[in-house]
Amino acid sequence: MTIVVVDYGTGNLRSVAKALAHVAPEHNVVVTSDPGAIRAAARVVLPGQSAMPDCMKSLSEMGLLDAVVDAQRDRPFLGICLGMQMLFAESEEGPTAGLGLVPGRVVRFRDEEMMGRGGERLKIPHMGWNRVHQTRPHHLWQGIPQDSRFYFAHSFHPVPDEPGLAAASTDYGFPFTCAIARANIFATQFHPEKSQRAGLQLLANFVAWDGSA
């Protein structure tokens, strides 16, 4: 089985590929910008780091938009960080139009909302470890205890139009959606490839997942 990590010239490509190869040594993990390879893959991962305007521009200029849209239709598809944000219709960053595959938008953390439970001022970007609360069952949560800690690095967060899309939430000044699930798509605002045991378990679950809801 071939697992493709989409290479559009930015993002945490190698660390994602290395983590996937670690949990799935029997499978072929490929980092590629070839639209044909993306369409032919059994599993597709869209990672992301940097700014959404730059990432969307790169996908477009490299001729990968249609391949990514095609790939998410009928096989297990995982978005990570900006790879999650790009699935939405739009982002305040820019502002920028996203892929429009998930109804909703991406918004920036507001300074006035950034207060911890003890009254301390929270920093933007949200960087470091935080607890992830699973809000509904999913195959990708198997073997991962409730409220496990995952690694975050972001200044924007998704706001799905449909509450049922949320698969997990995290509290940083307020609760926000940090994972979504829709049919064969799963996406996380956190970085599973940087999240040690829990993150590797999620990636292993993705490899084993058949894409069913």
Protein backbone atom coordinates (compact mmCIF):
# COMPACT_ATOMS: atom_id res chain seq x y z
CA MET A 1 0.00 0.00 0.00
CA THR A 2 1.23 3.49 -0.86
CA ILE A 3 0.74 6.39 1.54
CA VAL A 4 1.37 9.79 -0.05
CA VAL A 5 2.44 12.92 1.80
CA VAL A 6 1.59 15.85 -0.47
CA ASP A 7 4.66 18.00 -1.19
CA TYR A 8 3.73 21.54 -2.17
CA GLY A 9 7.02 23.13 -1.18
CA THR A 10 6.21 24.00 2.42
CA GLY A 11 5.30 22.30 5.66
CA ASN A 12 6.58 19.57 7.93
CA LEU A 13 6.87 16.97 5.17
CA ARG A 14 9.85 14.92 6.26
CA SER A 15 8.84 14.62 9.90
CA VAL A 16 5.36 13.44 8.86
CA ALA A 17 6.80 10.92 6.40
CA LYS A 18 9.30 9.66 8.99
CA ALA A 19 6.56 9.14 11.59
CA LEU A 20 4.36 7.30 9.07
CA ALA A 21 7.25 5.06 8.03
CA HIS A 22 7.87 4.30 11.70
CA VAL A 23 4.30 3.12 12.35
CA ALA A 24 3.84 1.44 8.95
CA PRO A 25 7.18 -0.08 7.92
CA GLU A 26 5.42 -2.63 5.71
CA HIS A 27 3.93 0.13 3.53
CA ASN A 28 5.42 2.55 1.02
CA VAL A 29 5.47 6.15 2.29
CA VAL A 30 6.11 8.66 -0.51
CA VAL A 31 6.58 12.43 -0.37
CA THR A 32 5.51 13.69 -3.78
CA SER A 33 4.24 16.63 -5.82
CA ASP A 34 3.13 14.37 -8.69
CA PRO A 35 -0.65 14.70 -9.22
CA GLY A 36 -0.82 11.19 -10.68
CA ALA A 37 0.86 9.67 -7.63
CA ILE A 38 -1.51 11.55 -5.33
CA ARG A 39 -4.54 10.26 -7.23
CA ALA A 40 -3.19 6.70 -7.21
CA ALA A 41 -2.34 6.53 -3.49
CA ALA A 42 -4.29 4.38 -1.05
CA ARG A 43 -3.89 6.98 1.73
CA VAL A 44 -3.21 10.72 1.39
CA VAL A 45 -1.81 13.11 3.99
CA LEU A 46 -1.93 16.89 3.52
CA PRO A 47 0.46 18.46 6.02
CA GLY A 48 1.00 22.15 6.53
CA GLN A 49 3.10 24.77 8.21
CA SER A 50 3.67 28.47 7.39
CA ALA A 51 0.87 30.80 6.24
CA MET A 52 -2.36 29.76 4.54
CA PRO A 53 -2.05 32.28 1.66
CA ASP A 54 1.38 30.85 0.80
CA CYS A 55 0.19 27.25 1.07
CA MET A 56 -2.86 27.76 -1.13
CA LYS A 57 -0.75 29.65 -3.66
CA SER A 58 1.79 26.81 -3.77
CA LEU A 59 -0.91 24.17 -4.26
CA SER A 60 -2.32 26.19 -7.13
CA GLU A 61 0.98 27.04 -8.82
CA MET A 62 2.18 23.44 -8.61
CA GLY A 63 -1.04 22.15 -10.17
CA LEU A 64 -2.04 20.12 -7.12
CA LEU A 65 -5.46 21.55 -6.26
CA ASP A 66 -7.46 19.16 -8.43
CA ALA A 67 -5.40 16.15 -7.34
CA VAL A 68 -5.99 16.91 -3.65
CA VAL A 69 -9.72 17.42 -4.23
CA ASP A 70 -9.91 14.16 -6.19
CA ALA A 71 -7.97 12.26 -3.52
CA GLN A 72 -10.25 13.27 -0.66
CA ARG A 73 -13.33 11.87 -2.36
CA ASP A 74 -12.82 8.15 -1.94
CA ARG A 75 -9.92 7.15 0.34
CA PRO A 76 -8.65 7.84 3.86
CA PHE A 77 -7.44 11.45 3.91
CA LEU A 78 -5.61 13.16 6.78
CA GLY A 79 -5.07 16.91 7.12
CA ILE A 80 -2.51 18.20 9.62
CA CYS A 81 -2.33 21.77 11.01
CA LEU A 82 -2.54 24.06 7.95
CA GLY A 83 -3.51 20.95 6.00
CA MET A 84 -6.63 20.94 8.18
CA GLN A 85 -7.26 24.67 7.80
CA MET A 86 -7.03 24.52 4.00
CA LEU A 87 -9.96 22.09 3.92
CA PHE A 88 -12.31 24.86 5.05
CA ALA A 89 -14.03 27.41 2.83
CA GLU A 90 -12.06 30.45 3.97
CA SER A 91 -9.55 31.85 6.44
CA GLU A 92 -9.11 35.27 8.01
CA GLU A 93 -5.41 34.90 7.26
CA GLY A 94 -5.03 37.01 4.15
CA PRO A 95 -8.02 36.60 3.91
CA THR A 96 -7.71 33.46 1.81
CA ALA A 97 -10.15 31.10 0.13
CA GLY A 98 -9.61 27.47 1.12
CA LEU A 99 -10.43 24.26 -0.69
CA GLY A 100 -14.05 24.42 0.44
CA LEU A 101 -14.23 20.72 1.28
CA VAL A 102 -15.48 21.32 4.82
CA PRO A 103 -18.11 23.96 5.65
CA GLY A 104 -16.77 26.61 7.98
CA ARG A 105 -13.99 29.12 8.35
CA VAL A 106 -10.64 29.63 10.04
CA VAL A 107 -10.21 32.55 12.45
CA ARG A 108 -7.37 34.10 14.41
CA PHE A 109 -7.10 33.83 18.17
CA ARG A 110 -8.30 37.14 19.65
CA ASP A 111 -6.05 38.86 22.19
CA GLU A 112 -9.06 39.62 24.40
CA GLU A 113 -9.90 35.90 24.61
CA MET A 114 -6.42 34.82 25.64
CA MET A 115 -6.83 34.47 29.39
CA GLY A 116 -5.90 31.34 31.30
CA ARG A 117 -7.99 29.87 34.09
CA GLY A 118 -5.75 31.56 36.63
CA GLY A 119 -6.16 34.95 34.96
CA GLU A 120 -2.78 34.82 33.23
CA ARG A 121 -2.36 36.21 29.73
CA LEU A 122 -1.92 33.47 27.12
CA LYS A 123 0.45 33.98 24.22
CA ILE A 124 -0.29 33.85 20.51
CA PRO A 125 0.72 31.65 18.76
CA HIS A 126 -0.51 28.70 20.77
CA MET A 127 2.65 26.61 20.98
CA GLY A 128 3.36 23.52 23.01
CA TRP A 129 1.51 20.63 24.57
CA ASN A 130 -2.19 20.71 25.37
CA ARG A 131 -4.91 18.25 26.26
CA VAL A 132 -7.19 17.00 23.51
CA HIS A 133 -10.72 16.07 24.53
CA GLN A 134 -12.34 13.57 22.18
CA THR A 135 -15.91 14.72 21.54
CA ARG A 136 -17.10 11.67 19.62
CA PRO A 137 -15.88 8.14 18.92
CA HIS A 138 -13.73 7.55 15.85
CA HIS A 139 -11.36 4.86 14.61
CA LEU A 140 -8.44 7.28 14.85
CA TRP A 141 -8.95 7.63 18.61
CA GLN A 142 -8.53 3.90 19.27
CA GLY A 143 -5.91 3.23 21.93
CA ILE A 144 -5.58 6.95 22.79
CA PRO A 145 -6.76 7.84 26.31
CA GLN A 146 -9.22 10.70 26.72
CA ASP A 147 -7.51 14.07 27.31
CA SER A 148 -4.14 12.90 26.00
CA ARG A 149 -1.65 15.66 25.27
CA PHE A 150 -0.70 16.63 21.72
CA TYR A 151 1.65 19.26 20.31
CA PHE A 152 0.27 22.51 18.86
CA ALA A 153 1.82 25.41 16.92
CA HIS A 154 -0.74 27.83 15.44
CA SER A 155 -2.28 31.31 15.59
CA PHE A 156 -5.51 30.44 13.75
CA HIS A 157 -8.15 27.82 14.53
CA PRO A 158 -11.10 26.30 12.64
CA VAL A 159 -14.76 27.05 13.27
CA PRO A 160 -16.88 24.37 11.55
CA ASP A 161 -20.36 25.40 10.42
CA GLU A 162 -21.70 22.02 11.52
CA PRO A 163 -21.05 21.14 15.20
CA GLY A 164 -21.18 17.44 14.34
CA LEU A 165 -17.97 17.77 12.32
CA ALA A 166 -15.92 18.24 15.49
CA ALA A 167 -14.08 15.14 16.69
CA ALA A 168 -12.10 16.82 19.48
CA SER A 169 -11.63 20.11 21.29
CA THR A 170 -8.84 21.84 23.17
CA ASP A 171 -8.97 24.66 25.70
CA TYR A 172 -6.70 27.65 25.13
CA GLY A 173 -8.44 30.66 26.59
CA PHE A 174 -11.68 29.00 25.44
CA PRO A 175 -12.60 25.61 23.94
CA PHE A 176 -11.98 25.34 20.20
CA THR A 177 -12.28 22.53 17.66
CA CYS A 178 -8.91 20.84 17.18
CA ALA A 179 -9.97 17.79 15.13
CA ILE A 180 -12.70 17.15 12.61
CA ALA A 181 -14.08 14.02 10.99
CA ARG A 182 -16.30 13.78 7.95
CA ALA A 183 -16.79 10.51 6.06
CA ASN A 184 -13.27 9.50 4.88
CA ILE A 185 -11.64 12.78 6.00
CA PHE A 186 -9.96 13.27 9.37
CA ALA A 187 -7.97 16.38 10.21
CA THR A 188 -6.14 17.77 13.22
CA GLN A 189 -4.96 21.22 14.24
CA PHE A 190 -2.24 19.60 16.35
CA HIS A 191 0.81 17.81 14.98
CA PRO A 192 0.56 14.03 15.53
CA GLU A 193 4.07 13.56 14.11
CA LYS A 194 5.43 15.69 16.98
CA SER A 195 3.17 14.24 19.67
CA GLN A 196 5.14 11.16 20.72
CA ARG A 197 3.17 8.06 21.71
CA ALA A 198 -0.35 9.47 21.28
CA GLY A 199 0.53 11.02 17.94
CA LEU A 200 2.13 7.86 16.62
CA GLN A 201 -0.94 5.88 17.70
CA LEU A 202 -3.18 8.26 15.77
CA LEU A 203 -1.02 7.86 12.65
CA ALA A 204 -1.04 4.08 13.03
CA ASN A 205 -4.83 4.21 13.33
CA PHE A 206 -4.99 6.29 10.15
CA VAL A 207 -2.94 3.73 8.24
CA ALA A 208 -5.27 0.94 9.43
CA TRP A 209 -8.47 2.94 8.82
CA ASP A 210 -10.64 2.01 5.84
CA GLY A 211 -12.15 5.48 5.60
CA SER A 212 -15.55 4.58 6.99
CA ALA A 213 -17.31 7.13 9.18
